[in-house]
Amino acid sequence: MLDALIFFVTAPNLEEGKKIARLLVEQKIVACINIIQNVISIYWWKEKIEEDSEVLLIIKTNKKNAKRLMAKIKEVHPYDTPECISVEVNDGLKSYLEWINQVTE
C-alpha cells in the first residue's frame, strides 16, 4: 500500500530550515528532508505582492504522520501562515517507500 506523502514547506533561511528539519527527523515524524536554497517566492500577503528569498523543505513522510507534521510546523515555524502542503506519492521504489514507514513512528 502506498501511503507516502511529500510535503512542501518554505522557511525564511537555511538556519531556520535546518532547525525545522532536524526537529522533524529527530522526532521521527518524517523520514527525510531535502533543503533547496535560493528559492524566490512571489506571493500575495496583506493586500500586496511580496517577493522573498527562502529555502524549500521537501519532506518525505507517510499519511499516519500528516496531522502530527502539520501541527509541529504550525508550532515551531516562524511565519504566521507557513506553507505546508502535501502531495500523495503514486509510485516509487518499493524499498524506499518501505524505508519511510520503517524510520517514522
N, C-alpha and C. Protein backbone atom coordinates (compact mmCIF):
# COMPACT_ATOMS: atom_id res chain seq x y z
N MET A 1 0.84 -1.19 0.00
CA MET A 1 0.00 0.00 0.00
C MET A 1 0.88 1.25 0.00
N LEU A 2 0.58 2.17 -0.89
CA LEU A 2 1.32 3.43 -0.94
C LEU A 2 0.65 4.43 -0.02
N ASP A 3 1.35 4.82 1.01
CA ASP A 3 0.80 5.84 1.89
C ASP A 3 1.80 6.97 2.10
N ALA A 4 2.79 7.05 1.23
CA ALA A 4 3.81 8.09 1.34
C ALA A 4 3.26 9.43 0.87
N LEU A 5 3.73 10.47 1.55
CA LEU A 5 3.38 11.85 1.19
C LEU A 5 4.67 12.65 1.07
N ILE A 6 4.61 13.65 0.22
CA ILE A 6 5.67 14.65 0.14
C ILE A 6 5.05 15.98 0.53
N PHE A 7 5.64 16.62 1.53
CA PHE A 7 5.20 17.94 1.96
C PHE A 7 6.19 18.98 1.46
N PHE A 8 5.67 20.12 1.09
CA PHE A 8 6.49 21.28 0.73
C PHE A 8 6.29 22.34 1.80
N VAL A 9 7.40 22.78 2.38
CA VAL A 9 7.37 23.82 3.41
C VAL A 9 8.49 24.80 3.10
N THR A 10 8.19 26.07 3.04
CA THR A 10 9.24 27.07 2.86
C THR A 10 9.64 27.62 4.23
N ALA A 11 10.87 28.09 4.31
CA ALA A 11 11.40 28.69 5.53
C ALA A 11 12.19 29.93 5.13
N PRO A 12 12.37 30.87 6.05
CA PRO A 12 12.99 32.14 5.69
C PRO A 12 14.48 32.06 5.35
N ASN A 13 15.18 31.04 5.87
CA ASN A 13 16.62 30.93 5.61
C ASN A 13 17.10 29.52 5.92
N LEU A 14 18.35 29.24 5.57
CA LEU A 14 18.91 27.91 5.75
C LEU A 14 18.96 27.50 7.22
N GLU A 15 19.35 28.41 8.07
CA GLU A 15 19.44 28.10 9.51
C GLU A 15 18.08 27.64 10.05
N GLU A 16 17.04 28.37 9.74
CA GLU A 16 15.70 28.02 10.20
C GLU A 16 15.23 26.71 9.55
N GLY A 17 15.53 26.53 8.27
CA GLY A 17 15.15 25.31 7.58
C GLY A 17 15.81 24.09 8.21
N LYS A 18 17.10 24.20 8.54
CA LYS A 18 17.81 23.09 9.18
C LYS A 18 17.24 22.80 10.57
N LYS A 19 16.91 23.85 11.29
CA LYS A 19 16.35 23.69 12.64
C LYS A 19 15.04 22.89 12.58
N ILE A 20 14.17 23.27 11.66
CA ILE A 20 12.89 22.57 11.49
C ILE A 20 13.14 21.13 11.03
N ALA A 21 14.03 20.95 10.06
CA ALA A 21 14.31 19.63 9.52
C ALA A 21 14.84 18.69 10.59
N ARG A 22 15.81 19.13 11.34
CA ARG A 22 16.39 18.28 12.39
C ARG A 22 15.35 17.87 13.43
N LEU A 23 14.52 18.80 13.83
CA LEU A 23 13.48 18.51 14.81
C LEU A 23 12.52 17.43 14.29
N LEU A 24 12.07 17.58 13.05
CA LEU A 24 11.12 16.63 12.48
C LEU A 24 11.73 15.24 12.31
N VAL A 25 13.01 15.18 11.92
CA VAL A 25 13.68 13.89 11.76
C VAL A 25 13.95 13.27 13.13
N GLU A 26 14.45 14.07 14.07
CA GLU A 26 14.73 13.56 15.42
C GLU A 26 13.49 12.98 16.08
N GLN A 27 12.34 13.62 15.86
CA GLN A 27 11.10 13.16 16.48
C GLN A 27 10.44 12.04 15.67
N LYS A 28 11.10 11.61 14.60
CA LYS A 28 10.64 10.51 13.74
C LYS A 28 9.25 10.75 13.15
N ILE A 29 8.95 12.03 12.92
CA ILE A 29 7.71 12.40 12.23
C ILE A 29 7.90 12.20 10.73
N VAL A 30 9.13 12.38 10.28
CA VAL A 30 9.46 12.28 8.85
C VAL A 30 10.68 11.38 8.67
N ALA A 31 10.84 10.88 7.46
CA ALA A 31 11.99 10.03 7.15
C ALA A 31 13.18 10.85 6.65
N CYS A 32 12.90 11.87 5.88
CA CYS A 32 13.97 12.60 5.20
C CYS A 32 13.46 13.98 4.79
N ILE A 33 14.37 14.94 4.81
CA ILE A 33 14.05 16.28 4.31
C ILE A 33 15.21 16.77 3.46
N ASN A 34 14.90 17.20 2.25
CA ASN A 34 15.87 17.86 1.38
C ASN A 34 15.62 19.36 1.50
N ILE A 35 16.70 20.13 1.57
CA ILE A 35 16.59 21.58 1.66
C ILE A 35 17.18 22.19 0.39
N ILE A 36 16.37 22.93 -0.31
CA ILE A 36 16.81 23.62 -1.53
C ILE A 36 16.94 25.11 -1.20
N GLN A 37 18.12 25.64 -1.44
CA GLN A 37 18.38 27.05 -1.17
C GLN A 37 18.05 27.93 -2.37
N ASN A 38 18.03 29.23 -2.11
CA ASN A 38 17.87 30.25 -3.15
C ASN A 38 16.56 30.14 -3.92
N VAL A 39 15.51 29.84 -3.21
CA VAL A 39 14.17 29.83 -3.80
C VAL A 39 13.62 31.24 -3.72
N ILE A 40 13.11 31.76 -4.81
CA ILE A 40 12.47 33.07 -4.82
C ILE A 40 10.96 32.84 -4.80
N SER A 41 10.30 33.40 -3.81
CA SER A 41 8.85 33.26 -3.68
C SER A 41 8.19 34.61 -3.93
N ILE A 42 7.19 34.61 -4.78
CA ILE A 42 6.39 35.80 -5.08
C ILE A 42 4.96 35.45 -4.74
N TYR A 43 4.34 36.25 -3.87
CA TYR A 43 3.04 35.86 -3.32
C TYR A 43 2.27 37.08 -2.81
N TRP A 44 0.96 36.88 -2.66
CA TRP A 44 0.10 37.90 -2.06
C TRP A 44 0.20 37.79 -0.54
N TRP A 45 0.37 38.92 0.13
CA TRP A 45 0.35 38.94 1.59
C TRP A 45 -0.09 40.32 2.06
N LYS A 46 -1.18 40.34 2.82
CA LYS A 46 -1.71 41.58 3.37
C LYS A 46 -1.93 42.64 2.29
N GLU A 47 -2.65 42.22 1.26
CA GLU A 47 -3.11 43.11 0.19
C GLU A 47 -2.01 43.64 -0.73
N LYS A 48 -0.83 43.02 -0.72
CA LYS A 48 0.20 43.44 -1.68
C LYS A 48 1.04 42.24 -2.10
N ILE A 49 1.72 42.39 -3.21
CA ILE A 49 2.59 41.33 -3.71
C ILE A 49 3.95 41.46 -3.03
N GLU A 50 4.42 40.35 -2.48
CA GLU A 50 5.71 40.29 -1.81
C GLU A 50 6.67 39.43 -2.62
N GLU A 51 7.96 39.65 -2.43
CA GLU A 51 8.99 38.81 -3.03
C GLU A 51 10.07 38.58 -2.00
N ASP A 52 10.36 37.30 -1.74
CA ASP A 52 11.35 36.95 -0.73
C ASP A 52 12.22 35.80 -1.20
N SER A 53 13.43 35.76 -0.66
CA SER A 53 14.32 34.63 -0.85
C SER A 53 14.07 33.68 0.32
N GLU A 54 13.86 32.41 0.02
CA GLU A 54 13.56 31.42 1.04
C GLU A 54 14.31 30.13 0.74
N VAL A 55 14.15 29.16 1.62
CA VAL A 55 14.59 27.80 1.34
C VAL A 55 13.33 26.95 1.28
N LEU A 56 13.42 25.86 0.51
CA LEU A 56 12.29 24.95 0.36
C LEU A 56 12.65 23.61 0.99
N LEU A 57 11.80 23.16 1.90
CA LEU A 57 11.97 21.85 2.50
C LEU A 57 11.08 20.87 1.74
N ILE A 58 11.67 19.80 1.25
CA ILE A 58 10.93 18.73 0.60
C ILE A 58 10.95 17.57 1.59
N ILE A 59 9.79 17.30 2.15
CA ILE A 59 9.68 16.40 3.31
C ILE A 59 9.00 15.10 2.91
N LYS A 60 9.64 13.98 3.26
CA LYS A 60 9.05 12.67 2.98
C LYS A 60 8.56 12.04 4.27
N THR A 61 7.27 11.68 4.29
CA THR A 61 6.66 11.03 5.44
C THR A 61 5.54 10.13 4.94
N ASN A 62 4.65 9.77 5.84
CA ASN A 62 3.51 8.94 5.45
C ASN A 62 2.21 9.54 5.98
N LYS A 63 1.11 8.99 5.55
CA LYS A 63 -0.20 9.56 5.89
C LYS A 63 -0.47 9.54 7.39
N LYS A 64 0.02 8.52 8.09
CA LYS A 64 -0.26 8.45 9.53
C LYS A 64 0.38 9.62 10.29
N ASN A 65 1.42 10.23 9.73
CA ASN A 65 2.11 11.33 10.40
C ASN A 65 1.73 12.71 9.87
N ALA A 66 0.81 12.78 8.92
CA ALA A 66 0.48 14.07 8.28
C ALA A 66 -0.02 15.10 9.29
N LYS A 67 -0.97 14.75 10.11
CA LYS A 67 -1.52 15.73 11.08
C LYS A 67 -0.47 16.13 12.11
N ARG A 68 0.31 15.16 12.55
CA ARG A 68 1.38 15.45 13.51
C ARG A 68 2.40 16.40 12.90
N LEU A 69 2.74 16.18 11.64
CA LEU A 69 3.69 17.05 10.94
C LEU A 69 3.13 18.47 10.83
N MET A 70 1.90 18.60 10.40
CA MET A 70 1.31 19.94 10.24
C MET A 70 1.22 20.67 11.58
N ALA A 71 0.87 19.94 12.64
CA ALA A 71 0.80 20.56 13.97
C ALA A 71 2.18 21.05 14.43
N LYS A 72 3.20 20.25 14.16
CA LYS A 72 4.56 20.62 14.58
C LYS A 72 5.06 21.82 13.77
N ILE A 73 4.77 21.84 12.47
CA ILE A 73 5.15 23.00 11.63
C ILE A 73 4.49 24.26 12.18
N LYS A 74 3.21 24.19 12.46
CA LYS A 74 2.50 25.35 13.00
C LYS A 74 3.10 25.81 14.33
N GLU A 75 3.53 24.86 15.14
CA GLU A 75 4.09 25.17 16.46
C GLU A 75 5.46 25.83 16.38
N VAL A 76 6.34 25.35 15.49
CA VAL A 76 7.74 25.80 15.51
C VAL A 76 8.11 26.78 14.40
N HIS A 77 7.29 26.93 13.40
CA HIS A 77 7.64 27.77 12.25
C HIS A 77 7.54 29.25 12.60
N PRO A 78 8.49 30.07 12.12
CA PRO A 78 8.45 31.49 12.46
C PRO A 78 7.37 32.30 11.72
N TYR A 79 6.81 31.78 10.63
CA TYR A 79 5.80 32.52 9.88
C TYR A 79 4.43 32.41 10.56
N ASP A 80 3.62 33.45 10.41
CA ASP A 80 2.23 33.41 10.89
C ASP A 80 1.43 32.35 10.15
N THR A 81 1.65 32.26 8.84
CA THR A 81 0.94 31.31 7.99
C THR A 81 1.96 30.56 7.15
N PRO A 82 2.59 29.53 7.71
CA PRO A 82 3.60 28.81 6.94
C PRO A 82 2.99 27.97 5.83
N GLU A 83 3.72 27.88 4.73
CA GLU A 83 3.34 26.95 3.67
C GLU A 83 3.57 25.54 4.21
N CYS A 84 2.57 24.70 4.09
CA CYS A 84 2.69 23.30 4.50
C CYS A 84 1.64 22.54 3.71
N ILE A 85 2.04 22.07 2.52
CA ILE A 85 1.10 21.38 1.64
C ILE A 85 1.70 20.04 1.23
N SER A 86 0.82 19.09 0.95
CA SER A 86 1.31 17.76 0.61
C SER A 86 0.77 17.28 -0.73
N VAL A 87 1.51 16.34 -1.28
CA VAL A 87 1.06 15.60 -2.46
C VAL A 87 1.27 14.12 -2.16
N GLU A 88 0.37 13.31 -2.68
CA GLU A 88 0.49 11.86 -2.50
C GLU A 88 1.50 11.30 -3.47
N VAL A 89 2.22 10.30 -3.01
CA VAL A 89 3.16 9.59 -3.86
C VAL A 89 2.38 8.46 -4.53
N ASN A 90 2.35 8.46 -5.85
CA ASN A 90 1.59 7.46 -6.59
C ASN A 90 2.42 6.26 -7.01
N ASP A 91 3.72 6.41 -6.99
CA ASP A 91 4.60 5.33 -7.40
C ASP A 91 5.99 5.63 -6.85
N GLY A 92 6.81 4.62 -6.79
CA GLY A 92 8.17 4.82 -6.32
C GLY A 92 8.84 3.49 -6.07
N LEU A 93 10.11 3.56 -5.79
CA LEU A 93 10.90 2.38 -5.49
C LEU A 93 10.37 1.77 -4.19
N LYS A 94 9.94 0.53 -4.26
CA LYS A 94 9.29 -0.13 -3.12
C LYS A 94 10.16 -0.08 -1.86
N SER A 95 11.44 -0.34 -2.01
CA SER A 95 12.31 -0.34 -0.83
C SER A 95 12.41 1.04 -0.19
N TYR A 96 12.37 2.10 -0.98
CA TYR A 96 12.40 3.46 -0.43
C TYR A 96 11.11 3.77 0.31
N LEU A 97 9.99 3.42 -0.29
CA LEU A 97 8.70 3.67 0.35
C LEU A 97 8.56 2.87 1.64
N GLU A 98 9.06 1.66 1.67
CA GLU A 98 9.05 0.86 2.89
C GLU A 98 9.94 1.49 3.95
N TRP A 99 11.08 2.03 3.53
CA TRP A 99 12.01 2.69 4.45
C TRP A 99 11.34 3.87 5.15
N ILE A 100 10.55 4.65 4.41
CA ILE A 100 9.82 5.77 5.03
C ILE A 100 9.00 5.27 6.21
N ASN A 101 8.30 4.19 6.03
CA ASN A 101 7.47 3.65 7.11
C ASN A 101 8.30 3.06 8.23
N GLN A 102 9.46 2.49 7.91
CA GLN A 102 10.30 1.87 8.93
C GLN A 102 10.92 2.89 9.89
N VAL A 103 11.29 4.04 9.39
CA VAL A 103 12.03 5.00 10.23
C VAL A 103 11.15 6.05 10.89
N THR A 104 9.88 6.07 10.58
CA THR A 104 8.96 7.01 11.22
C THR A 104 8.13 6.29 12.27
N GLU A 105 7.63 7.05 13.24
CA GLU A 105 6.79 6.47 14.28
C GLU A 105 5.36 6.91 14.13
